[in-house]
Every structure is written in structure tokens, then in C-alpha cells.
Amino acid sequence: MKLIVKLKGRFEQSSVVTQFLILVFTTIAGLTMTSIMSSIILIMKFGTESLMIVRESPEWMKNMQFFQTIGVFIFPAIICAWLFSDNYKSYLHIDTAFQGSIIGLVMLSILVIIPFLNGIYVFNQQMVFPKCLNGLEAWMKNYEKLSQNVIERMLYVYRWQDLVSNILIVCIFTAIGEEFIFRGILQNLLNRFIKNQYLVIWIVAILFSIVHLQFYGFLSRMLLGAYLGYLLYYTGNIWISILAHFMNNFLGVINSYIFQDNPKMVERINNIGSGTTWWLSIVSLTLFFVLFYIIKDCVSSNHPNCFD
């Protein structure tokens, strides 16, 4: 315990390279520990013979998602914030007060931007590689299909408990973990040697999209990541970014649940903003910028309905 207290802020004056290496080390350590612990639990519970079968089950996929979120995102972020600052709460931007009205604006902004992001996603799906990269393109498409299959199986709801676990794991814990790492840690690290705050936001957004390894959804996820970065930059509170991230994931989970036995309806909803409904992308983007302006104005003016 004394050692933990002594390490508080120990690397605050260290170089960006040192801090980045610590982040990489803690992330790899978290991933390793998560993999070892999950494998041990599997073997103890099911034995080695049924190991591969269990690994393919939706329940285990959700368990792994939970363990990895804790081990790869949340714990490393908290550890790094503790090592890099005397005040880890301030470093992660989790101690800024705010009031309820901005919550509604942020949630609404995520809702209205969906048609535009859908249009960008469909556009991204049409990406074609040169003939010399046919092998890479085939691999990416195959990986994308496998990833989508895993997500669909993981989100399928057989009991009401499945829906609750999906919301907890995919919406709440994932939003907290990814925002802590990308906006809380990485955005802080890059801010130390890149003076252009907007450039930092977009670099982190690109990294955020790359890490998900879903190539045909790269652009839409990058744009979402950029918005999450801007929210942190303007509000100074990471819980606002977490809320927006949660809302985005929550809408996906609920949409999957309601229409889980009607894939054609899911496809129609996901295509809103593209094809014959392309004009909804323009409306969506316009409304989004109006809401974003209101959020910025609300923050900059310290309006009593937005902040304490």
C-alpha cells in the first residue's frame, strides 16, 4: 500500500516517450493477465476438451469483452493517471461539475448524427483496392464478416438478463474504458508535444478507429471519435464523452435487440441516410452542428442551466 502511495505522480515529469511506453506496458500486461485468468477459469470450469466449444459461445464472448475492457482499458488508464499526476481525477477529467441540461443536448446530438454516420458507413463499404492489393482486400472483407458475426452472436438476446448484460458490458463499461484510454490518457499525452489541440483530437480519433480493426467502418468511427474528443476539449469533463459514447453503443444494442429476428429491418435502419434517403444525411449533419454550437455556447458562457 505504501509503495502505491509513493508511486503517485512518480512519472509526472517524465518524457512523453517514457509515459507512452508505460501506457503500452500496462496495456500489454493487462491483456496478458486477462488472457491467462480467462483461460484458467475456462479450464477449471469446463476442462480442456470442451475449451474450444466454450470459447465460441456468446456468453463467453461477453465475458471476454468485459474482462478485456477492465484489463486493457480501465485499469491501465487509472494506473497511468495515478503515475502521471498527483491528482489522477483531474488528469482524467472526471472531477468537473456539470448539470443535467447538457446531458440531454449530448444525447440528442448522437441521435441526430446517426443518418450522417450511416451514409459515411455505406460510402466506406464501397471502398475498392487496386488489383495489386486484392489479397489484402479479400482478407479485410473476410475479417469484417467474421467480426460482424461475432458481434451479432454476442448481442443476441435469449433472456432479459442477456439484454442487461449487453447494456452493462457493451454500453457502460466499454464507453468508460475506451474514453479513459483514448480521451483521458492518449489525448493528454499528445497534448504535451503537439500544441494544436484539434490535430491531437483527430490523431486520437484515427487511433481509436484503427484499434477496432473494422476497416469498412473506419470513417464513421473516426468521425465519432473526433466528436468525443471535441466534447472533452470543450467541456473539460470526460463523463460527457462517456455519455455520448454510451448513447451511441446503446442505440446499437437496442436496435439489435428489437429487430434481432428481422435482419432486413436492421439493414433498412442502418441504411437511413444513404441511397434514396441521402438527403437525411444533410439534415442530420445540419442539426448536429446546430446542437454542437449550442453545447459549445452553453459551456463557454457558463450558462446556469448547463453548469454549476
Protein backbone atom coordinates (compact mmCIF):
# COMPACT_ATOMS: atom_id res chain seq x y z
CA MET A 1 0.00 0.00 0.00
CA LYS A 2 2.84 2.38 0.89
CA LEU A 3 4.50 1.59 -2.43
CA ILE A 4 1.30 2.52 -4.30
CA VAL A 5 1.13 5.84 -2.46
CA LYS A 6 4.81 6.55 -3.20
CA LEU A 7 4.27 5.90 -6.92
CA LYS A 8 1.56 8.57 -7.10
CA GLY A 9 2.75 11.18 -9.61
CA ARG A 10 6.15 9.44 -9.81
CA PHE A 11 6.38 9.86 -13.60
CA GLU A 12 4.72 13.27 -13.85
CA GLN A 13 7.91 14.93 -15.11
CA SER A 14 8.97 12.03 -17.30
CA SER A 15 9.20 12.42 -21.06
CA VAL A 16 6.24 11.71 -23.32
CA VAL A 17 8.11 8.69 -24.71
CA THR A 18 8.55 7.23 -21.20
CA GLN A 19 4.90 7.79 -20.36
CA PHE A 20 3.80 6.28 -23.66
CA LEU A 21 5.96 3.19 -23.02
CA ILE A 22 4.41 2.85 -19.56
CA LEU A 23 0.96 3.01 -21.16
CA VAL A 24 1.92 0.32 -23.69
CA PHE A 25 3.43 -1.87 -20.94
CA THR A 26 0.39 -1.62 -18.64
CA THR A 27 -1.94 -2.34 -21.57
CA ILE A 28 0.02 -5.41 -22.65
CA ALA A 29 0.26 -6.56 -19.03
CA GLY A 30 -3.50 -6.14 -18.64
CA LEU A 31 -4.17 -8.09 -21.84
CA THR A 32 -1.79 -10.87 -20.77
CA MET A 33 -3.28 -11.18 -17.30
CA THR A 34 -6.81 -11.15 -18.72
CA SER A 35 -5.97 -13.93 -21.20
CA ILE A 36 -4.28 -16.08 -18.56
CA MET A 37 -7.05 -15.63 -16.00
CA SER A 38 -9.81 -16.32 -18.52
CA SER A 39 -8.04 -19.47 -19.77
CA ILE A 40 -7.59 -20.74 -16.21
CA ILE A 41 -11.27 -20.13 -15.44
CA LEU A 42 -12.27 -21.94 -18.63
CA ILE A 43 -10.10 -24.98 -17.90
CA MET A 44 -11.22 -25.19 -14.26
CA LYS A 45 -14.88 -24.94 -15.18
CA PHE A 46 -15.11 -26.92 -18.41
CA GLY A 47 -11.85 -28.83 -18.84
CA THR A 48 -9.54 -28.80 -21.83
CA GLU A 49 -11.73 -31.00 -24.03
CA SER A 50 -14.59 -28.51 -24.32
CA LEU A 51 -12.35 -25.44 -24.29
CA MET A 52 -12.80 -24.53 -27.97
CA ILE A 53 -16.56 -25.07 -27.86
CA VAL A 54 -16.97 -22.75 -24.88
CA ARG A 55 -14.81 -20.07 -26.50
CA GLU A 56 -17.33 -19.89 -29.34
CA SER A 57 -20.33 -19.35 -27.05
CA PRO A 58 -21.95 -15.87 -26.91
CA GLU A 59 -21.83 -15.93 -23.11
CA TRP A 60 -18.08 -16.38 -23.11
CA MET A 61 -17.64 -13.71 -25.77
CA LYS A 62 -19.40 -11.24 -23.48
CA ASN A 63 -17.30 -12.35 -20.52
CA MET A 64 -14.13 -11.81 -22.54
CA GLN A 65 -15.37 -8.40 -23.66
CA PHE A 66 -15.89 -7.48 -20.01
CA PHE A 67 -12.53 -8.82 -18.82
CA GLN A 68 -10.65 -7.15 -21.66
CA THR A 69 -12.40 -3.82 -21.07
CA ILE A 70 -11.33 -3.91 -17.42
CA GLY A 71 -7.83 -5.28 -18.03
CA VAL A 72 -6.87 -3.46 -21.23
CA PHE A 73 -8.65 -0.14 -20.84
CA ILE A 74 -9.94 0.80 -17.39
CA PHE A 75 -7.15 -0.45 -15.11
CA PRO A 76 -4.27 0.73 -17.36
CA ALA A 77 -5.90 4.16 -17.67
CA ILE A 78 -6.30 4.53 -13.91
CA ILE A 79 -2.77 3.24 -13.24
CA CYS A 80 -1.25 5.62 -15.79
CA ALA A 81 -3.25 8.58 -14.47
CA TRP A 82 -2.01 7.71 -10.96
CA LEU A 83 1.61 7.53 -12.13
CA PHE A 84 1.48 10.62 -14.37
CA SER A 85 -0.20 13.06 -11.95
CA ASP A 86 -0.60 13.91 -8.27
CA ASN A 87 -4.32 14.23 -8.99
CA TYR A 88 -5.47 11.32 -11.15
CA LYS A 89 -9.08 12.57 -11.13
CA SER A 90 -8.07 15.89 -12.62
CA TYR A 91 -5.76 14.16 -15.11
CA LEU A 92 -8.62 12.00 -16.37
CA HIS A 93 -11.05 14.96 -16.28
CA ILE A 94 -13.53 13.11 -14.08
CA ASP A 95 -13.96 15.81 -11.40
CA THR A 96 -15.60 18.67 -13.32
CA ALA A 97 -19.15 19.55 -12.22
CA PHE A 98 -21.96 19.77 -14.75
CA GLN A 99 -25.75 19.91 -14.74
CA GLY A 100 -28.40 17.88 -16.43
CA SER A 101 -29.37 20.02 -19.42
CA ILE A 102 -26.11 19.39 -21.27
CA ILE A 103 -26.76 15.66 -20.92
CA GLY A 104 -29.91 15.98 -22.99
CA LEU A 105 -28.10 18.03 -25.65
CA VAL A 106 -25.30 15.49 -25.97
CA MET A 107 -27.67 12.53 -26.16
CA LEU A 108 -29.77 14.32 -28.77
CA SER A 109 -26.67 15.16 -30.80
CA ILE A 110 -25.74 11.46 -31.02
CA LEU A 111 -29.28 10.61 -32.07
CA VAL A 112 -29.43 13.18 -34.87
CA ILE A 113 -25.97 12.40 -36.29
CA ILE A 114 -26.81 8.73 -36.94
CA PRO A 115 -28.17 9.17 -40.51
CA PHE A 116 -24.99 11.05 -41.49
CA LEU A 117 -22.76 8.38 -39.95
CA ASN A 118 -24.84 5.73 -41.72
CA GLY A 119 -24.21 7.48 -45.02
CA ILE A 120 -20.48 7.63 -44.32
CA TYR A 121 -20.50 3.94 -43.33
CA VAL A 122 -22.19 2.91 -46.58
CA PHE A 123 -19.73 5.06 -48.52
CA ASN A 124 -16.86 3.38 -46.68
CA GLN A 125 -18.31 -0.04 -47.57
CA GLN A 126 -17.82 0.78 -51.25
CA MET A 127 -14.05 1.09 -50.81
CA VAL A 128 -12.20 -0.73 -53.61
CA PHE A 129 -8.48 -1.56 -53.61
CA PRO A 130 -6.13 -1.67 -56.62
CA LYS A 131 -5.68 -5.11 -58.20
CA CYS A 132 -2.23 -5.44 -56.68
CA LEU A 133 -3.90 -5.37 -53.23
CA ASN A 134 -6.64 -7.90 -53.98
CA GLY A 135 -5.28 -10.24 -51.31
CA LEU A 136 -5.40 -7.53 -48.65
CA GLU A 137 -8.92 -6.53 -49.69
CA ALA A 138 -10.13 -10.15 -49.51
CA TRP A 139 -8.60 -10.56 -46.05
CA MET A 140 -10.18 -7.33 -44.79
CA LYS A 141 -13.62 -8.29 -46.10
CA ASN A 142 -13.36 -11.75 -44.58
CA TYR A 143 -12.22 -10.32 -41.23
CA GLU A 144 -15.08 -7.81 -41.34
CA LYS A 145 -17.64 -10.60 -41.87
CA LEU A 146 -16.17 -12.63 -39.01
CA SER A 147 -16.22 -9.60 -36.70
CA GLN A 148 -19.83 -8.82 -37.62
CA ASN A 149 -20.80 -12.43 -37.00
CA VAL A 150 -19.18 -12.36 -33.55
CA ILE A 151 -20.97 -9.10 -32.67
CA GLU A 152 -24.35 -10.42 -33.81
CA ARG A 153 -23.95 -13.62 -31.82
CA MET A 154 -22.79 -11.74 -28.74
CA LEU A 155 -25.70 -9.28 -28.85
CA TYR A 156 -28.43 -11.86 -29.47
CA VAL A 157 -30.87 -11.84 -26.56
CA TYR A 158 -32.38 -15.09 -25.32
CA ARG A 159 -33.40 -13.83 -21.86
CA TRP A 160 -33.90 -10.38 -20.34
CA GLN A 161 -30.65 -10.92 -18.43
CA ASP A 162 -28.82 -11.00 -21.77
CA LEU A 163 -30.08 -7.51 -22.62
CA VAL A 164 -28.97 -6.20 -19.22
CA SER A 165 -25.52 -7.73 -19.62
CA ASN A 166 -25.24 -6.28 -23.15
CA ILE A 167 -26.03 -2.80 -21.83
CA LEU A 168 -23.58 -3.16 -18.94
CA ILE A 169 -20.70 -4.60 -20.97
CA VAL A 170 -21.10 -3.10 -24.45
CA CYS A 171 -22.55 0.26 -23.45
CA ILE A 172 -21.38 1.24 -19.96
CA PHE A 173 -18.03 -0.50 -19.33
CA THR A 174 -16.83 -0.20 -22.94
CA ALA A 175 -17.67 3.51 -23.04
CA ILE A 176 -15.84 4.15 -19.77
CA GLY A 177 -12.80 2.05 -20.67
CA GLU A 178 -12.27 3.37 -24.20
CA GLU A 179 -12.81 7.00 -23.19
CA PHE A 180 -10.41 6.70 -20.25
CA ILE A 181 -7.68 5.35 -22.54
CA PHE A 182 -8.21 7.39 -25.71
CA ARG A 183 -9.54 10.72 -24.50
CA GLY A 184 -8.27 10.54 -20.91
CA ILE A 185 -4.72 9.25 -21.43
CA LEU A 186 -3.75 9.47 -25.11
CA GLN A 187 -5.22 12.92 -25.62
CA ASN A 188 -3.30 14.11 -22.56
CA LEU A 189 -0.04 12.56 -23.76
CA LEU A 190 -0.25 14.01 -27.26
CA ASN A 191 -1.16 17.43 -25.85
CA ARG A 192 2.29 17.57 -24.28
CA PHE A 193 4.19 17.83 -27.55
CA ILE A 194 1.55 18.78 -30.12
CA LYS A 195 0.31 22.30 -29.48
CA ASN A 196 -2.56 22.13 -31.94
CA GLN A 197 -5.45 20.75 -29.86
CA TYR A 198 -7.58 19.97 -32.91
CA LEU A 199 -4.78 17.96 -34.52
CA VAL A 200 -4.47 15.93 -31.31
CA ILE A 201 -8.20 15.22 -31.32
CA TRP A 202 -8.07 13.89 -34.89
CA ILE A 203 -4.93 11.80 -34.32
CA VAL A 204 -6.57 10.13 -31.31
CA ALA A 205 -9.76 9.64 -33.35
CA ILE A 206 -7.77 7.85 -36.06
CA LEU A 207 -6.09 5.62 -33.46
CA PHE A 208 -9.47 4.98 -31.87
CA SER A 209 -10.84 3.73 -35.18
CA ILE A 210 -7.74 1.69 -36.06
CA VAL A 211 -7.80 -0.22 -32.78
CA HIS A 212 -11.31 -1.54 -33.52
CA LEU A 213 -9.97 -3.32 -36.63
CA GLN A 214 -13.24 -2.83 -38.53
CA PHE A 215 -11.89 -1.44 -41.79
CA TYR A 216 -15.16 -0.83 -43.58
CA GLY A 217 -16.48 1.22 -40.70
CA PHE A 218 -13.26 3.19 -40.25
CA LEU A 219 -14.51 6.61 -41.38
CA SER A 220 -17.71 6.69 -39.35
CA ARG A 221 -15.92 5.52 -36.20
CA MET A 222 -13.15 8.08 -36.74
CA LEU A 223 -15.73 10.88 -37.01
CA LEU A 224 -17.44 9.67 -33.86
CA GLY A 225 -14.07 9.56 -32.08
CA ALA A 226 -13.34 13.12 -33.17
CA TYR A 227 -16.67 14.31 -31.76
CA LEU A 228 -15.91 12.58 -28.45
CA GLY A 229 -12.55 14.36 -28.39
CA TYR A 230 -14.16 17.73 -29.07
CA LEU A 231 -16.65 17.14 -26.28
CA LEU A 232 -13.82 16.57 -23.81
CA TYR A 233 -11.92 19.58 -25.13
CA TYR A 234 -14.85 21.98 -24.82
CA THR A 235 -16.48 20.65 -21.63
CA GLY A 236 -13.36 19.58 -19.76
CA ASN A 237 -15.30 16.59 -18.41
CA ILE A 238 -14.71 13.07 -19.66
CA TRP A 239 -18.09 11.89 -18.37
CA ILE A 240 -19.70 13.89 -21.17
CA SER A 241 -17.64 11.98 -23.74
CA ILE A 242 -18.50 8.74 -21.96
CA LEU A 243 -22.19 9.65 -22.08
CA ALA A 244 -22.04 10.27 -25.85
CA HIS A 245 -20.11 7.02 -26.35
CA PHE A 246 -22.65 5.17 -24.21
CA MET A 247 -25.55 6.64 -26.19
CA ASN A 248 -24.04 5.55 -29.50
CA ASN A 249 -23.48 1.97 -28.27
CA PHE A 250 -26.85 1.85 -26.52
CA LEU A 251 -28.74 2.73 -29.69
CA GLY A 252 -26.91 -0.08 -31.49
CA VAL A 253 -27.69 -2.61 -28.75
CA ILE A 254 -31.38 -1.65 -28.57
CA ASN A 255 -31.73 -1.67 -32.36
CA SER A 256 -30.15 -5.14 -32.46
CA TYR A 257 -32.46 -6.36 -29.69
CA ILE A 258 -35.74 -5.04 -31.15
CA PHE A 259 -35.07 -6.36 -34.64
CA GLN A 260 -32.83 -9.33 -33.85
CA ASP A 261 -35.15 -11.68 -35.74
CA ASN A 262 -35.72 -9.25 -38.60
CA PRO A 263 -32.31 -8.64 -40.25
CA LYS A 264 -33.91 -6.85 -43.21
CA MET A 265 -35.31 -4.19 -40.87
CA VAL A 266 -31.90 -3.80 -39.22
CA GLU A 267 -30.38 -3.29 -42.66
CA ARG A 268 -33.01 -0.69 -43.56
CA ILE A 269 -32.37 1.26 -40.37
CA ASN A 270 -28.61 1.11 -40.87
CA ASN A 271 -29.06 2.44 -44.42
CA ILE A 272 -31.03 5.52 -43.36
CA GLY A 273 -29.01 8.43 -44.70
CA SER A 274 -27.77 6.64 -47.81
CA GLY A 275 -29.25 5.70 -51.19
CA THR A 276 -32.65 7.31 -51.75
CA THR A 277 -32.52 8.80 -48.23
CA TRP A 278 -29.20 10.56 -48.83
CA TRP A 279 -30.86 13.91 -48.08
CA LEU A 280 -31.33 12.81 -44.47
CA SER A 281 -27.53 12.88 -44.13
CA ILE A 282 -27.58 16.59 -44.95
CA VAL A 283 -30.40 17.24 -42.48
CA SER A 284 -28.63 15.11 -39.89
CA LEU A 285 -25.32 16.94 -40.23
CA THR A 286 -27.02 20.36 -40.15
CA LEU A 287 -28.96 19.56 -36.97
CA PHE A 288 -25.83 18.10 -35.42
CA PHE A 289 -23.81 21.28 -36.00
CA VAL A 290 -26.64 23.36 -34.54
CA LEU A 291 -26.63 21.21 -31.41
CA PHE A 292 -22.85 21.24 -31.22
CA TYR A 293 -22.87 25.05 -31.42
CA ILE A 294 -25.42 25.19 -28.60
CA ILE A 295 -23.27 22.86 -26.48
CA LYS A 296 -20.18 25.00 -27.10
CA ASP A 297 -22.08 28.19 -26.33
CA CYS A 298 -23.52 26.62 -23.21
CA VAL A 299 -20.06 25.70 -21.96
CA SER A 300 -18.28 28.94 -22.90
CA SER A 301 -20.96 31.15 -21.33
CA ASN A 302 -21.24 29.03 -18.18
CA HIS A 303 -24.99 29.18 -18.58
CA PRO A 304 -26.68 28.28 -15.26
CA ASN A 305 -28.79 25.65 -16.98
CA CYS A 306 -25.66 23.81 -18.11
CA PHE A 307 -23.07 24.05 -15.38
CA ASP A 308 -22.82 24.81 -11.68
